Amino acid sequence: MDRKTEALNYLKQYPKMTKWMNTCICCGTMGYNPDMPEKITSRDGNGEYNTVFSRNIKKYFFPLRVNDMGMCDICQKYWRENH
């Protein structure tokens, strides 16, 4: 299994965590939101506990900031220079 498939399969295991993921609407690059906290708490009825998601997701993806329109920095720069 390649790394991209492995990363997407990991995300499928934690569908609620997709809120911390960004995808550029232009190039399709996917990465985690740089504002994601180091520790994410989860509630399962037994109180709160720290998940390992934020640590693990950084193994599969790099930080990706997108603007209000959903464009990454590289695509924003290209858009400004060519339009």
N, C-alpha and C. Protein backbone atom coordinates (compact mmCIF):
# COMPACT_ATOMS: atom_id res chain seq x y z
N MET A 1 0.86 -1.18 0.00
CA MET A 1 0.00 0.00 0.00
C MET A 1 0.90 1.24 0.00
N ASP A 2 0.61 2.18 -0.89
CA ASP A 2 1.43 3.39 -0.93
C ASP A 2 1.05 4.34 0.21
N ARG A 3 1.90 5.31 0.43
CA ARG A 3 1.74 6.23 1.57
C ARG A 3 0.45 7.04 1.49
N LYS A 4 0.07 7.48 0.28
CA LYS A 4 -1.14 8.28 0.12
C LYS A 4 -2.38 7.45 0.48
N THR A 5 -2.43 6.23 0.01
CA THR A 5 -3.56 5.35 0.33
C THR A 5 -3.61 5.07 1.83
N GLU A 6 -2.46 4.84 2.41
CA GLU A 6 -2.38 4.59 3.85
C GLU A 6 -2.89 5.80 4.63
N ALA A 7 -2.52 7.00 4.19
CA ALA A 7 -2.96 8.23 4.86
C ALA A 7 -4.47 8.40 4.74
N LEU A 8 -5.02 8.17 3.56
CA LEU A 8 -6.47 8.31 3.37
C LEU A 8 -7.23 7.26 4.17
N ASN A 9 -6.70 6.06 4.26
CA ASN A 9 -7.33 5.03 5.08
C ASN A 9 -7.32 5.41 6.55
N TYR A 10 -6.24 6.04 7.00
CA TYR A 10 -6.17 6.50 8.39
C TYR A 10 -7.26 7.53 8.65
N LEU A 11 -7.44 8.46 7.72
CA LEU A 11 -8.48 9.48 7.88
C LEU A 11 -9.87 8.86 7.93
N LYS A 12 -10.11 7.82 7.15
CA LYS A 12 -11.42 7.16 7.14
C LYS A 12 -11.76 6.56 8.50
N GLN A 13 -10.75 6.21 9.26
CA GLN A 13 -10.97 5.65 10.60
C GLN A 13 -11.48 6.70 11.58
N TYR A 14 -11.21 7.97 11.29
CA TYR A 14 -11.57 9.07 12.19
C TYR A 14 -12.31 10.15 11.42
N PRO A 15 -13.53 9.88 10.96
CA PRO A 15 -14.24 10.85 10.11
C PRO A 15 -14.49 12.20 10.77
N LYS A 16 -14.63 12.25 12.08
CA LYS A 16 -14.86 13.53 12.76
C LYS A 16 -13.63 14.42 12.73
N MET A 17 -12.49 13.85 12.48
CA MET A 17 -11.25 14.62 12.49
C MET A 17 -10.99 15.31 11.16
N THR A 18 -11.82 15.08 10.16
CA THR A 18 -11.60 15.74 8.87
C THR A 18 -11.73 17.25 8.98
N LYS A 19 -12.33 17.73 10.07
CA LYS A 19 -12.42 19.18 10.26
C LYS A 19 -11.04 19.81 10.42
N TRP A 20 -10.04 19.02 10.75
CA TRP A 20 -8.69 19.53 10.91
C TRP A 20 -7.87 19.39 9.63
N MET A 21 -8.50 18.93 8.56
CA MET A 21 -7.80 18.73 7.29
C MET A 21 -8.20 19.81 6.29
N ASN A 22 -7.26 20.25 5.49
CA ASN A 22 -7.50 21.23 4.44
C ASN A 22 -7.16 20.61 3.09
N THR A 23 -7.96 20.94 2.08
CA THR A 23 -7.69 20.51 0.71
C THR A 23 -7.81 21.73 -0.19
N CYS A 24 -6.78 22.00 -0.97
CA CYS A 24 -6.81 23.14 -1.88
C CYS A 24 -7.80 22.87 -3.01
N ILE A 25 -8.66 23.85 -3.28
CA ILE A 25 -9.67 23.67 -4.33
C ILE A 25 -9.06 23.71 -5.73
N CYS A 26 -7.86 24.23 -5.86
CA CYS A 26 -7.23 24.34 -7.19
C CYS A 26 -6.37 23.12 -7.52
N CYS A 27 -5.42 22.81 -6.66
CA CYS A 27 -4.46 21.75 -6.97
C CYS A 27 -4.80 20.42 -6.31
N GLY A 28 -5.71 20.43 -5.32
CA GLY A 28 -6.11 19.20 -4.65
C GLY A 28 -5.15 18.73 -3.58
N THR A 29 -4.13 19.52 -3.28
CA THR A 29 -3.19 19.15 -2.23
C THR A 29 -3.94 19.07 -0.90
N MET A 30 -3.60 18.07 -0.11
CA MET A 30 -4.26 17.86 1.17
C MET A 30 -3.23 17.93 2.29
N GLY A 31 -3.58 18.60 3.37
CA GLY A 31 -2.70 18.71 4.53
C GLY A 31 -3.52 19.05 5.76
N TYR A 32 -2.87 19.03 6.90
CA TYR A 32 -3.60 19.35 8.13
C TYR A 32 -3.57 20.86 8.37
N ASN A 33 -4.59 21.33 9.05
CA ASN A 33 -4.70 22.74 9.40
C ASN A 33 -3.58 23.08 10.39
N PRO A 34 -2.74 24.07 10.09
CA PRO A 34 -1.65 24.42 11.00
C PRO A 34 -2.14 24.88 12.37
N ASP A 35 -3.41 25.27 12.47
CA ASP A 35 -3.97 25.70 13.75
C ASP A 35 -4.47 24.52 14.59
N MET A 36 -4.29 23.30 14.10
CA MET A 36 -4.73 22.11 14.83
C MET A 36 -3.96 22.03 16.14
N PRO A 37 -4.67 21.82 17.26
CA PRO A 37 -3.97 21.74 18.55
C PRO A 37 -3.11 20.48 18.64
N GLU A 38 -2.11 20.53 19.49
CA GLU A 38 -1.24 19.36 19.70
C GLU A 38 -2.02 18.20 20.29
N LYS A 39 -2.97 18.52 21.17
CA LYS A 39 -3.79 17.48 21.80
C LYS A 39 -5.25 17.75 21.49
N ILE A 40 -5.91 16.74 20.97
CA ILE A 40 -7.34 16.84 20.66
C ILE A 40 -8.06 15.91 21.63
N THR A 41 -9.07 16.43 22.28
CA THR A 41 -9.81 15.60 23.23
C THR A 41 -10.99 14.94 22.55
N SER A 42 -11.36 13.79 23.06
CA SER A 42 -12.47 13.03 22.51
C SER A 42 -13.41 12.66 23.65
N ARG A 43 -14.67 12.66 23.36
CA ARG A 43 -15.67 12.29 24.36
C ARG A 43 -16.36 11.02 23.90
N ASP A 44 -16.29 10.01 24.71
CA ASP A 44 -16.92 8.74 24.35
C ASP A 44 -17.92 8.28 25.40
N GLY A 45 -18.34 9.20 26.26
CA GLY A 45 -19.25 8.83 27.33
C GLY A 45 -18.53 8.48 28.61
N ASN A 46 -17.23 8.30 28.54
CA ASN A 46 -16.43 7.97 29.71
C ASN A 46 -15.52 9.11 30.11
N GLY A 47 -15.92 10.33 29.78
CA GLY A 47 -15.08 11.48 30.07
C GLY A 47 -14.26 11.85 28.85
N GLU A 48 -13.32 12.76 29.03
CA GLU A 48 -12.47 13.21 27.93
C GLU A 48 -11.08 12.60 28.07
N TYR A 49 -10.48 12.35 26.95
CA TYR A 49 -9.11 11.85 26.94
C TYR A 49 -8.41 12.39 25.70
N ASN A 50 -7.11 12.45 25.75
CA ASN A 50 -6.34 12.97 24.62
C ASN A 50 -6.22 11.91 23.54
N THR A 51 -6.47 12.29 22.32
CA THR A 51 -6.32 11.36 21.21
C THR A 51 -4.89 11.44 20.67
N VAL A 52 -4.51 10.48 19.89
CA VAL A 52 -3.19 10.49 19.26
C VAL A 52 -3.29 10.98 17.81
N PHE A 53 -4.47 11.42 17.42
CA PHE A 53 -4.70 11.82 16.04
C PHE A 53 -3.73 12.91 15.59
N SER A 54 -3.60 13.98 16.36
CA SER A 54 -2.76 15.10 15.91
C SER A 54 -1.31 14.68 15.73
N ARG A 55 -0.84 13.79 16.56
CA ARG A 55 0.54 13.31 16.41
C ARG A 55 0.67 12.40 15.18
N ASN A 56 -0.29 11.51 15.02
CA ASN A 56 -0.22 10.57 13.90
C ASN A 56 -0.46 11.23 12.55
N ILE A 57 -1.38 12.19 12.49
CA ILE A 57 -1.70 12.80 11.20
C ILE A 57 -0.50 13.56 10.65
N LYS A 58 0.37 14.03 11.53
CA LYS A 58 1.57 14.75 11.09
C LYS A 58 2.59 13.81 10.45
N LYS A 59 2.42 12.51 10.66
CA LYS A 59 3.29 11.54 10.00
C LYS A 59 2.88 11.37 8.54
N TYR A 60 1.62 11.59 8.24
CA TYR A 60 1.09 11.37 6.90
C TYR A 60 0.99 12.64 6.06
N PHE A 61 0.76 13.78 6.69
CA PHE A 61 0.51 15.03 5.97
C PHE A 61 1.39 16.14 6.51
N PHE A 62 1.54 17.18 5.72
CA PHE A 62 2.26 18.38 6.15
C PHE A 62 1.23 19.48 6.41
N PRO A 63 1.62 20.56 7.10
CA PRO A 63 0.67 21.65 7.36
C PRO A 63 0.28 22.32 6.05
N LEU A 64 -0.99 22.63 5.91
CA LEU A 64 -1.48 23.30 4.70
C LEU A 64 -2.50 24.35 5.10
N ARG A 65 -2.11 25.59 4.93
CA ARG A 65 -3.03 26.70 5.20
C ARG A 65 -3.73 27.05 3.90
N VAL A 66 -5.03 27.27 3.98
CA VAL A 66 -5.81 27.71 2.82
C VAL A 66 -6.52 29.00 3.17
N ASN A 67 -6.81 29.82 2.15
CA ASN A 67 -7.51 31.08 2.39
C ASN A 67 -9.02 30.83 2.48
N ASP A 68 -9.80 31.90 2.57
CA ASP A 68 -11.25 31.79 2.71
C ASP A 68 -11.90 31.08 1.52
N MET A 69 -11.25 31.16 0.36
CA MET A 69 -11.79 30.50 -0.83
C MET A 69 -11.33 29.05 -0.94
N GLY A 70 -10.40 28.64 -0.09
CA GLY A 70 -9.91 27.27 -0.10
C GLY A 70 -8.67 27.05 -0.95
N MET A 71 -7.95 28.13 -1.25
CA MET A 71 -6.73 28.04 -2.06
C MET A 71 -5.49 28.02 -1.17
N CYS A 72 -4.54 27.13 -1.49
CA CYS A 72 -3.28 27.08 -0.74
C CYS A 72 -2.40 28.26 -1.15
N ASP A 73 -1.32 28.48 -0.40
CA ASP A 73 -0.42 29.62 -0.66
C ASP A 73 0.18 29.58 -2.06
N ILE A 74 0.57 28.41 -2.53
CA ILE A 74 1.19 28.29 -3.86
C ILE A 74 0.19 28.66 -4.95
N CYS A 75 -1.03 28.17 -4.84
CA CYS A 75 -2.05 28.49 -5.85
C CYS A 75 -2.46 29.96 -5.78
N GLN A 76 -2.50 30.53 -4.58
CA GLN A 76 -2.81 31.96 -4.44
C GLN A 76 -1.75 32.80 -5.15
N LYS A 77 -0.48 32.43 -4.96
CA LYS A 77 0.61 33.16 -5.60
C LYS A 77 0.51 33.05 -7.12
N TYR A 78 0.26 31.86 -7.62
CA TYR A 78 0.12 31.65 -9.06
C TYR A 78 -1.04 32.48 -9.61
N TRP A 79 -2.16 32.47 -8.89
CA TRP A 79 -3.35 33.21 -9.32
C TRP A 79 -3.07 34.71 -9.42
N ARG A 80 -2.40 35.25 -8.39
CA ARG A 80 -2.07 36.69 -8.39
C ARG A 80 -1.14 37.06 -9.54
N GLU A 81 -0.17 36.20 -9.82
CA GLU A 81 0.82 36.51 -10.86
C GLU A 81 0.29 36.33 -12.28
N ASN A 82 -0.75 35.53 -12.46
CA ASN A 82 -1.20 35.20 -13.81
C ASN A 82 -2.61 35.67 -14.14
N HIS A 83 -3.25 36.37 -13.24
CA HIS A 83 -4.61 36.85 -13.53
C HIS A 83 -4.76 38.31 -13.18
